[in-house]
Amino acid sequence: MEVAQKETGGGAAAKVHQFYAVAFEQNFVLRQLAPAFPEARITAHDLFFPVDSGAVYIYPFGALVTYDVASEKRDEILARLRRFGPSQLTTQVIREDYAVIEAPGQPIGISDGGLRVDRLTPARAGIVALTVAQSAAMEYYERLVEQLFARTGSLVERLEKHGSVSYLIRPLNRFIGEAIATRSEVLLVLHLLDKPDAAWEDAAMDRIYDDLRAEFDLVDRYAALESKLRSIQEALQLLLEVGRDRRLVGLELAIVVLIVAEIVLAYLKF
């Protein structure tokens, strides 16, 4: 793939590098993907292999990022992932792209909606790829939590209108289990926001990481997700308690009815 070039203000040629992320619903076990990508290097954090002038990164939280890879080659890589990846890999994915401008002699920073660097080293490219992957994965979780929030809202609305919930507690229990599993999965994203090891190596990479994290608003987005999940959990706990209380009242009424019936039957015998 030919990397786009343009002139900078100082006349030096600048290269525009394109990062493209795809986030799936499923998580990946990287070692299980090794047969599909025998050319890859696998670490605890990612699966990486170069492609032409760019590279491919696959992360265990279900995201794949290509860097300066032609669309035809990218489609081929995604097809390999679908063949050898988790069974029933979802077709509903989150896509995100981001441009990095490599301009020798220019200061590092965010400009015109993209990151500008003086040199795009492999370590810096890895930081950009990870951040773009995190943002795409975060968008998937945002959609998932929003759906849970809406479903919880409908249950709370019923409680507000009728003053109670359905006698059928099992569906509510299943929904609570689903919400707890989702919350645990989202909290797992928290470690993704930890500073990558490469960012500790020099001040420039540390600044790149901070600029990208602010550009994608990862910290605030995570805080919003955590707040919504906390609200969902509190609302569901209340609904569960109301549902259990209603069943207990029903049980107590049934016991009273049985006692009265027994007394009536005993009286009729005499």
Protein backbone atom coordinates (compact mmCIF):
# COMPACT_ATOMS: atom_id res chain seq x y z
CA MET A 1 0.00 0.00 0.00
CA GLU A 2 1.35 3.43 -0.92
CA VAL A 3 1.39 5.81 2.03
CA ALA A 4 -0.08 9.19 1.14
CA GLN A 5 2.37 12.08 1.05
CA LYS A 6 1.91 15.84 1.16
CA GLU A 7 4.00 18.93 1.68
CA THR A 8 4.39 20.39 5.14
CA GLY A 9 4.68 24.06 5.86
CA GLY A 10 8.47 23.79 5.79
CA GLY A 11 8.49 22.07 2.41
CA ALA A 12 9.47 18.64 3.71
CA ALA A 13 7.43 15.69 2.49
CA ALA A 14 4.96 14.38 5.07
CA LYS A 15 3.51 10.88 5.10
CA VAL A 16 -0.07 10.12 6.14
CA HIS A 17 -0.37 6.72 7.81
CA GLN A 18 -3.82 5.18 8.10
CA PHE A 19 -4.89 3.02 11.04
CA TYR A 20 -8.08 0.97 10.72
CA ALA A 21 -9.69 -0.87 13.64
CA VAL A 22 -12.41 -3.53 13.74
CA ALA A 23 -13.88 -4.56 17.11
CA PHE A 24 -15.82 -7.80 17.46
CA GLU A 25 -18.25 -8.94 20.13
CA GLN A 26 -16.13 -11.97 20.97
CA ASN A 27 -12.78 -11.92 22.75
CA PHE A 28 -9.78 -13.68 21.23
CA VAL A 29 -7.42 -16.30 22.60
CA LEU A 30 -4.30 -15.25 20.76
CA ARG A 31 -2.57 -18.62 20.82
CA GLN A 32 -5.63 -20.20 19.23
CA LEU A 33 -5.20 -17.78 16.33
CA ALA A 34 -1.55 -18.74 15.79
CA PRO A 35 -2.32 -21.38 13.10
CA ALA A 36 -4.21 -18.75 11.08
CA PHE A 37 -1.29 -16.32 11.27
CA PRO A 38 1.93 -18.38 11.36
CA GLU A 39 3.99 -15.31 10.46
CA ALA A 40 2.84 -13.48 13.61
CA ARG A 41 4.71 -12.70 16.81
CA ILE A 42 2.55 -13.39 19.87
CA THR A 43 2.91 -11.65 23.21
CA ALA A 44 0.67 -11.52 26.27
CA HIS A 45 -0.87 -8.31 24.94
CA ASP A 46 -1.20 -8.74 21.18
CA LEU A 47 -0.56 -10.72 18.04
CA PHE A 48 1.55 -8.76 15.55
CA PHE A 49 2.87 -9.28 12.04
CA PRO A 50 4.13 -6.92 9.32
CA VAL A 51 2.25 -6.60 6.03
CA ASP A 52 3.93 -4.81 3.12
CA SER A 53 4.88 -1.37 4.47
CA GLY A 54 2.47 -1.64 7.40
CA ALA A 55 1.42 -4.09 10.07
CA VAL A 56 -1.48 -5.92 11.72
CA TYR A 57 -2.26 -6.01 15.44
CA ILE A 58 -4.81 -8.38 17.01
CA TYR A 59 -5.77 -7.85 20.64
CA PRO A 60 -7.34 -10.33 23.09
CA PHE A 61 -10.26 -7.99 23.82
CA GLY A 62 -11.64 -8.69 20.34
CA ALA A 63 -10.09 -5.97 18.20
CA LEU A 64 -7.96 -6.03 15.06
CA VAL A 65 -6.02 -3.01 13.78
CA THR A 66 -4.27 -2.64 10.46
CA TYR A 67 -1.70 0.05 9.77
CA ASP A 68 -0.96 1.11 6.20
CA VAL A 69 -2.56 -2.05 4.80
CA ALA A 70 -4.49 -1.93 1.52
CA SER A 71 -8.23 -2.63 1.74
CA GLU A 72 -7.92 -5.83 -0.34
CA LYS A 73 -5.25 -7.21 1.95
CA ARG A 74 -7.25 -6.13 4.99
CA ASP A 75 -10.29 -8.04 3.73
CA GLU A 76 -8.10 -11.10 3.23
CA ILE A 77 -6.82 -10.87 6.82
CA LEU A 78 -10.35 -10.48 8.17
CA ALA A 79 -11.42 -13.53 6.14
CA ARG A 80 -8.60 -15.55 7.72
CA LEU A 81 -9.70 -14.39 11.15
CA ARG A 82 -13.28 -15.42 10.46
CA ARG A 83 -12.18 -18.87 9.29
CA PHE A 84 -9.86 -19.61 12.17
CA GLY A 85 -11.19 -17.33 14.92
CA PRO A 86 -13.93 -17.97 17.49
CA SER A 87 -16.90 -19.95 16.22
CA GLN A 88 -19.81 -17.86 15.01
CA LEU A 89 -17.70 -14.69 14.89
CA THR A 90 -20.21 -11.86 14.74
CA THR A 91 -20.77 -9.96 11.52
CA GLN A 92 -21.88 -6.90 13.49
CA VAL A 93 -18.65 -5.04 14.18
CA ILE A 94 -17.47 -1.60 15.23
CA ARG A 95 -15.12 0.10 12.77
CA GLU A 96 -12.87 3.05 13.45
CA ASP A 97 -10.05 4.68 11.49
CA TYR A 98 -7.45 7.26 12.37
CA ALA A 99 -4.73 9.12 10.48
CA VAL A 100 -1.21 9.83 11.71
CA ILE A 101 0.89 12.41 9.88
CA GLU A 102 4.62 11.78 9.91
CA ALA A 103 6.31 15.14 9.32
CA PRO A 104 10.05 15.28 9.98
CA GLY A 105 11.08 18.26 12.03
CA GLN A 106 7.51 19.07 13.12
CA PRO A 107 6.38 19.09 16.76
CA ILE A 108 4.40 16.17 18.15
CA GLY A 109 0.72 16.81 18.84
CA ILE A 110 -2.87 16.57 17.68
CA SER A 111 -3.64 18.66 14.60
CA ASP A 112 -6.63 18.72 12.24
CA GLY A 113 -8.19 15.66 13.85
CA GLY A 114 -5.06 13.53 13.53
CA LEU A 115 -1.82 12.87 15.33
CA ARG A 116 1.31 14.59 13.99
CA VAL A 117 4.70 13.07 14.78
CA ASP A 118 8.22 13.71 13.61
CA ARG A 119 8.88 9.96 13.24
CA LEU A 120 6.50 7.01 13.35
CA THR A 121 8.60 4.26 14.84
CA PRO A 122 7.26 0.72 15.33
CA ALA A 123 6.87 1.41 19.06
CA ARG A 124 4.88 4.57 18.37
CA ALA A 125 2.77 2.79 15.78
CA GLY A 126 2.00 0.15 18.39
CA ILE A 127 0.75 2.80 20.84
CA VAL A 128 -1.47 4.35 18.16
CA ALA A 129 -2.85 0.93 17.16
CA LEU A 130 -3.64 0.01 20.78
CA THR A 131 -5.43 3.30 21.42
CA VAL A 132 -7.52 3.06 18.26
CA ALA A 133 -8.39 -0.55 19.19
CA GLN A 134 -9.40 0.55 22.70
CA SER A 135 -11.66 3.26 21.29
CA ALA A 136 -13.40 0.84 18.92
CA ALA A 137 -13.87 -1.71 21.71
CA MET A 138 -15.16 1.03 24.01
CA GLU A 139 -17.79 2.00 21.44
CA TYR A 140 -19.05 -1.61 21.40
CA TYR A 141 -19.38 -1.56 25.20
CA GLU A 142 -21.09 1.82 25.09
CA ARG A 143 -23.77 0.40 22.78
CA LEU A 144 -24.15 -2.72 24.91
CA VAL A 145 -24.50 -0.77 28.15
CA GLU A 146 -26.95 1.64 26.53
CA GLN A 147 -29.19 -1.31 25.62
CA LEU A 148 -29.01 -2.62 29.20
CA PHE A 149 -29.78 0.86 30.49
CA ALA A 150 -32.87 1.10 28.28
CA ARG A 151 -34.13 -2.34 29.33
CA THR A 152 -33.62 -1.49 32.99
CA GLY A 153 -35.48 1.77 32.46
CA SER A 154 -38.53 -0.08 31.14
CA LEU A 155 -38.58 -2.29 34.26
CA VAL A 156 -38.28 0.71 36.56
CA GLU A 157 -41.08 2.45 34.62
CA ARG A 158 -43.35 -0.54 35.26
CA LEU A 159 -42.52 -0.35 38.97
CA GLU A 160 -43.31 3.37 38.94
CA LYS A 161 -46.69 2.84 37.25
CA HIS A 162 -47.89 -0.31 39.02
CA GLY A 163 -45.97 -0.14 42.28
CA SER A 164 -44.72 -3.68 41.81
CA VAL A 165 -43.05 -6.06 39.41
CA SER A 166 -44.08 -9.28 37.75
CA TYR A 167 -44.37 -12.48 39.77
CA LEU A 168 -42.01 -14.08 37.26
CA ILE A 169 -38.67 -13.57 39.00
CA ARG A 170 -36.64 -15.95 36.84
CA PRO A 171 -36.51 -13.63 33.78
CA LEU A 172 -35.45 -10.81 36.09
CA ASN A 173 -32.75 -13.02 37.59
CA ARG A 174 -31.48 -13.87 34.11
CA PHE A 175 -31.38 -10.21 33.19
CA ILE A 176 -29.50 -9.40 36.40
CA GLY A 177 -27.00 -12.14 35.58
CA GLU A 178 -26.57 -10.68 32.10
CA ALA A 179 -26.03 -7.20 33.55
CA ILE A 180 -23.45 -8.49 36.05
CA ALA A 181 -21.58 -10.34 33.29
CA THR A 182 -21.58 -7.21 31.15
CA ARG A 183 -20.33 -5.10 34.04
CA SER A 184 -17.49 -7.55 34.68
CA GLU A 185 -16.55 -7.49 31.01
CA VAL A 186 -16.57 -3.69 30.90
CA LEU A 187 -14.48 -3.47 34.07
CA LEU A 188 -12.00 -5.75 32.34
CA VAL A 189 -11.49 -2.93 29.84
CA LEU A 190 -10.02 -0.85 32.67
CA HIS A 191 -6.65 -2.52 32.37
CA LEU A 192 -6.59 -1.48 28.72
CA LEU A 193 -6.33 2.12 29.90
CA ASP A 194 -3.11 1.40 31.74
CA LYS A 195 -0.10 3.02 30.14
CA PRO A 196 1.61 0.67 27.63
CA ASP A 197 5.17 -0.35 28.45
CA ALA A 198 6.45 1.45 25.36
CA ALA A 199 5.11 4.76 26.66
CA TRP A 200 7.55 4.62 29.56
CA GLU A 201 10.56 4.41 27.27
CA ASP A 202 10.81 8.07 26.29
CA ALA A 203 9.01 11.35 26.85
CA ALA A 204 7.85 11.57 23.23
CA MET A 205 5.94 8.28 23.35
CA ASP A 206 4.51 9.22 26.73
CA ARG A 207 3.16 12.44 25.23
CA ILE A 208 1.78 10.58 22.20
CA TYR A 209 -0.08 8.23 24.52
CA ASP A 210 -1.52 11.08 26.59
CA ASP A 211 -2.54 13.04 23.47
CA LEU A 212 -4.27 10.01 21.95
CA ARG A 213 -6.04 9.11 25.16
CA ALA A 214 -7.39 12.66 25.35
CA GLU A 215 -8.25 12.66 21.62
CA PHE A 216 -10.40 9.53 21.98
CA ASP A 217 -11.71 10.62 25.40
CA LEU A 218 -11.11 7.13 26.76
CA VAL A 219 -11.00 7.96 30.46
CA ASP A 220 -14.24 9.99 30.50
CA ARG A 221 -16.01 7.42 28.35
CA TYR A 222 -15.01 4.67 30.74
CA ALA A 223 -16.18 6.73 33.72
CA ALA A 224 -19.55 7.25 32.03
CA LEU A 225 -19.86 3.52 31.37
CA GLU A 226 -19.01 2.69 34.97
CA SER A 227 -21.58 5.21 36.23
CA LYS A 228 -24.33 3.75 34.04
CA LEU A 229 -23.45 0.22 35.08
CA ARG A 230 -23.60 1.25 38.73
CA SER A 231 -27.06 2.76 38.17
CA ILE A 232 -28.21 -0.40 36.40
CA GLN A 233 -26.95 -2.59 39.24
CA GLU A 234 -28.66 -0.49 41.91
CA ALA A 235 -31.95 -0.41 39.99
CA LEU A 236 -31.91 -4.16 39.42
CA GLN A 237 -31.18 -4.86 43.07
CA LEU A 238 -34.22 -2.77 44.01
CA LEU A 239 -36.39 -4.56 41.45
CA LEU A 240 -35.25 -7.95 42.69
CA GLU A 241 -36.04 -7.03 46.29
CA VAL A 242 -39.51 -5.78 45.31
CA GLY A 243 -40.15 -8.95 43.32
CA ARG A 244 -39.07 -11.18 46.20
CA ASP A 245 -41.20 -9.20 48.68
CA ARG A 246 -44.21 -9.62 46.41
CA ARG A 247 -43.68 -13.36 46.21
CA LEU A 248 -43.27 -13.55 49.99
CA VAL A 249 -46.55 -11.68 50.47
CA GLY A 250 -48.23 -14.09 48.07
CA LEU A 251 -46.76 -17.04 49.93
CA GLU A 252 -47.95 -15.67 53.27
CA LEU A 253 -51.45 -15.14 51.88
CA ALA A 254 -51.50 -18.70 50.58
CA ILE A 255 -50.48 -19.99 54.01
CA VAL A 256 -53.23 -17.93 55.66
CA VAL A 257 -55.79 -19.26 53.17
CA LEU A 258 -54.69 -22.85 53.84
CA ILE A 259 -54.94 -22.33 57.63
CA VAL A 260 -58.41 -20.80 57.30
CA ALA A 261 -59.50 -23.66 55.01
CA GLU A 262 -58.21 -26.20 57.47
CA ILE A 263 -60.11 -24.52 60.32
CA VAL A 264 -63.31 -24.37 58.23
CA LEU A 265 -63.02 -28.03 57.27
CA ALA A 266 -62.40 -28.99 60.89
CA TYR A 267 -65.45 -26.97 61.95
CA LEU A 268 -67.65 -28.57 59.29
CA LYS A 269 -66.75 -32.02 60.53
CA PHE A 270 -68.34 -31.15 63.83
